Amino acid sequence: MIRDKVRQALRDAIENGKDYDAEFRRFLRRQCSLGRSADVSTPDKHGRPIRLLGVSMDITSLKQAELEAARNAMTWRTSRV
């Protein structure tokens, strides 16, 4: 399940100092949007992560544009045959 993958990636970031980068769906006010979160851990002098610094953003319009570009490319390829 996607939620489990996101939780595991976050757990790896916290426990092992790995960078975190995940795409996910979120539901707000009965609407679905796509999000992306990326974090970088900051280690202490012993290499243990002490902080996650990151960003979370809405990528719904980006994914819609990618889908539209793929559709246009497919239409263009099939119209040339």
C-alpha atoms as a PDB file:
ATOM      1  CA  MET A   1       0.000   0.000   0.000  1.00  0.00           C
ATOM      2  CA  ILE A   2       1.263   3.500  -0.816  1.00  0.00           C
ATOM      3  CA  ARG A   3       0.714   4.793   2.707  1.00  0.00           C
ATOM      4  CA  ASP A   4       2.950   2.018   4.064  1.00  0.00           C
ATOM      5  CA  LYS A   5       5.690   2.875   1.551  1.00  0.00           C
ATOM      6  CA  VAL A   6       5.580   6.537   2.571  1.00  0.00           C
ATOM      7  CA  ARG A   7       5.749   5.620   6.256  1.00  0.00           C
ATOM      8  CA  GLN A   8       8.690   3.277   5.619  1.00  0.00           C
ATOM      9  CA  ALA A   9      10.568   5.944   3.641  1.00  0.00           C
ATOM     10  CA  LEU A  10      10.019   8.434   6.462  1.00  0.00           C
ATOM     11  CA  ARG A  11      11.108   5.865   9.053  1.00  0.00           C
ATOM     12  CA  ASP A  12      14.311   5.210   7.048  1.00  0.00           C
ATOM     13  CA  ALA A  13      14.982   8.943   6.940  1.00  0.00           C
ATOM     14  CA  ILE A  14      14.577   9.306  10.687  1.00  0.00           C
ATOM     15  CA  GLU A  15      16.319   6.118  11.808  1.00  0.00           C
ATOM     16  CA  ASN A  16      19.037   5.769   9.155  1.00  0.00           C
ATOM     17  CA  GLY A  17      19.656   9.312   7.962  1.00  0.00           C
ATOM     18  CA  LYS A  18      18.428   8.579   4.431  1.00  0.00           C
ATOM     19  CA  ASP A  19      16.948  11.336   2.285  1.00  0.00           C
ATOM     20  CA  TYR A  20      13.178  11.145   1.920  1.00  0.00           C
ATOM     21  CA  ASP A  21      11.315  11.703  -1.332  1.00  0.00           C
ATOM     22  CA  ALA A  22       7.753  10.492  -1.840  1.00  0.00           C
ATOM     23  CA  GLU A  23       4.736  11.196  -4.013  1.00  0.00           C
ATOM     24  CA  PHE A  24       1.301  10.607  -2.592  1.00  0.00           C
ATOM     25  CA  ARG A  25      -2.402  11.329  -2.954  1.00  0.00           C
ATOM     26  CA  ARG A  26      -4.141  13.459  -0.388  1.00  0.00           C
ATOM     27  CA  PHE A  27      -7.807  14.056   0.148  1.00  0.00           C
ATOM     28  CA  LEU A  28      -8.949  17.457   1.333  1.00  0.00           C
ATOM     29  CA  ARG A  29     -12.542  18.625   1.358  1.00  0.00           C
ATOM     30  CA  ARG A  30     -13.617  15.584  -0.672  1.00  0.00           C
ATOM     31  CA  GLN A  31     -11.128  16.397  -3.437  1.00  0.00           C
ATOM     32  CA  CYS A  32      -8.079  14.402  -4.365  1.00  0.00           C
ATOM     33  CA  SER A  33      -4.775  16.103  -5.110  1.00  0.00           C
ATOM     34  CA  LEU A  34      -1.268  14.815  -5.655  1.00  0.00           C
ATOM     35  CA  GLY A  35       1.552  15.805  -3.377  1.00  0.00           C
ATOM     36  CA  ARG A  36       5.265  15.359  -3.135  1.00  0.00           C
ATOM     37  CA  SER A  37       7.392  15.618  -0.048  1.00  0.00           C
ATOM     38  CA  ALA A  38      11.176  15.663   0.072  1.00  0.00           C
ATOM     39  CA  ASP A  39      13.316  15.858   3.176  1.00  0.00           C
ATOM     40  CA  VAL A  40      17.014  15.786   3.941  1.00  0.00           C
ATOM     41  CA  SER A  41      18.235  14.649   7.327  1.00  0.00           C
ATOM     42  CA  THR A  42      20.837  16.561   9.304  1.00  0.00           C
ATOM     43  CA  PRO A  43      23.189  14.322  11.305  1.00  0.00           C
ATOM     44  CA  ASP A  44      24.833  15.048  14.627  1.00  0.00           C
ATOM     45  CA  LYS A  45      28.590  14.577  15.119  1.00  0.00           C
ATOM     46  CA  HIS A  46      28.068  10.816  15.490  1.00  0.00           C
ATOM     47  CA  GLY A  47      26.145  10.538  12.219  1.00  0.00           C
ATOM     48  CA  ARG A  48      22.748  10.079  13.852  1.00  0.00           C
ATOM     49  CA  PRO A  49      19.954  12.104  12.280  1.00  0.00           C
ATOM     50  CA  ILE A  50      18.749  14.938  14.496  1.00  0.00           C
ATOM     51  CA  ARG A  51      16.563  16.930  12.099  1.00  0.00           C
ATOM     52  CA  LEU A  52      14.581  16.590   8.888  1.00  0.00           C
ATOM     53  CA  LEU A  53      14.447  19.651   6.679  1.00  0.00           C
ATOM     54  CA  GLY A  54      12.112  19.490   3.722  1.00  0.00           C
ATOM     55  CA  VAL A  55       9.297  20.683   1.580  1.00  0.00           C
ATOM     56  CA  SER A  56       5.848  19.448   0.706  1.00  0.00           C
ATOM     57  CA  MET A  57       4.117  20.652  -2.441  1.00  0.00           C
ATOM     58  CA  ASP A  58       1.013  20.117  -4.548  1.00  0.00           C
ATOM     59  CA  ILE A  59       2.003  18.524  -7.876  1.00  0.00           C
ATOM     60  CA  THR A  60      -1.496  17.956  -9.250  1.00  0.00           C
ATOM     61  CA  SER A  61      -1.130  20.427 -12.136  1.00  0.00           C
ATOM     62  CA  LEU A  62       2.325  19.024 -12.981  1.00  0.00           C
ATOM     63  CA  LYS A  63       0.955  15.476 -13.225  1.00  0.00           C
ATOM     64  CA  GLN A  64      -2.006  16.689 -15.305  1.00  0.00           C
ATOM     65  CA  ALA A  65       0.393  18.446 -17.705  1.00  0.00           C
ATOM     66  CA  GLU A  66       2.537  15.293 -17.977  1.00  0.00           C
ATOM     67  CA  LEU A  67      -0.559  13.227 -18.771  1.00  0.00           C
ATOM     68  CA  GLU A  68      -1.706  15.737 -21.403  1.00  0.00           C
ATOM     69  CA  ALA A  69       1.768  15.773 -22.996  1.00  0.00           C
ATOM     70  CA  ALA A  70       1.759  11.973 -23.161  1.00  0.00           C
ATOM     71  CA  ARG A  71      -1.686  12.004 -24.781  1.00  0.00           C
ATOM     72  CA  ASN A  72      -0.562  14.603 -27.319  1.00  0.00           C
ATOM     73  CA  ALA A  73       2.552  12.578 -28.148  1.00  0.00           C
ATOM     74  CA  MET A  74       0.452   9.456 -28.652  1.00  0.00           C
ATOM     75  CA  THR A  75      -1.986  11.343 -30.886  1.00  0.00           C
ATOM     76  CA  TRP A  76       0.888  12.766 -32.910  1.00  0.00           C
ATOM     77  CA  ARG A  77       2.541   9.350 -33.346  1.00  0.00           C
ATOM     78  CA  THR A  78      -0.682   7.623 -34.386  1.00  0.00           C
ATOM     79  CA  SER A  79      -1.644  10.413 -36.808  1.00  0.00           C
ATOM     80  CA  ARG A  80       1.672  10.071 -38.665  1.00  0.00           C
ATOM     81  CA  VAL A  81       1.163   6.386 -39.475  1.00  0.00           C
END
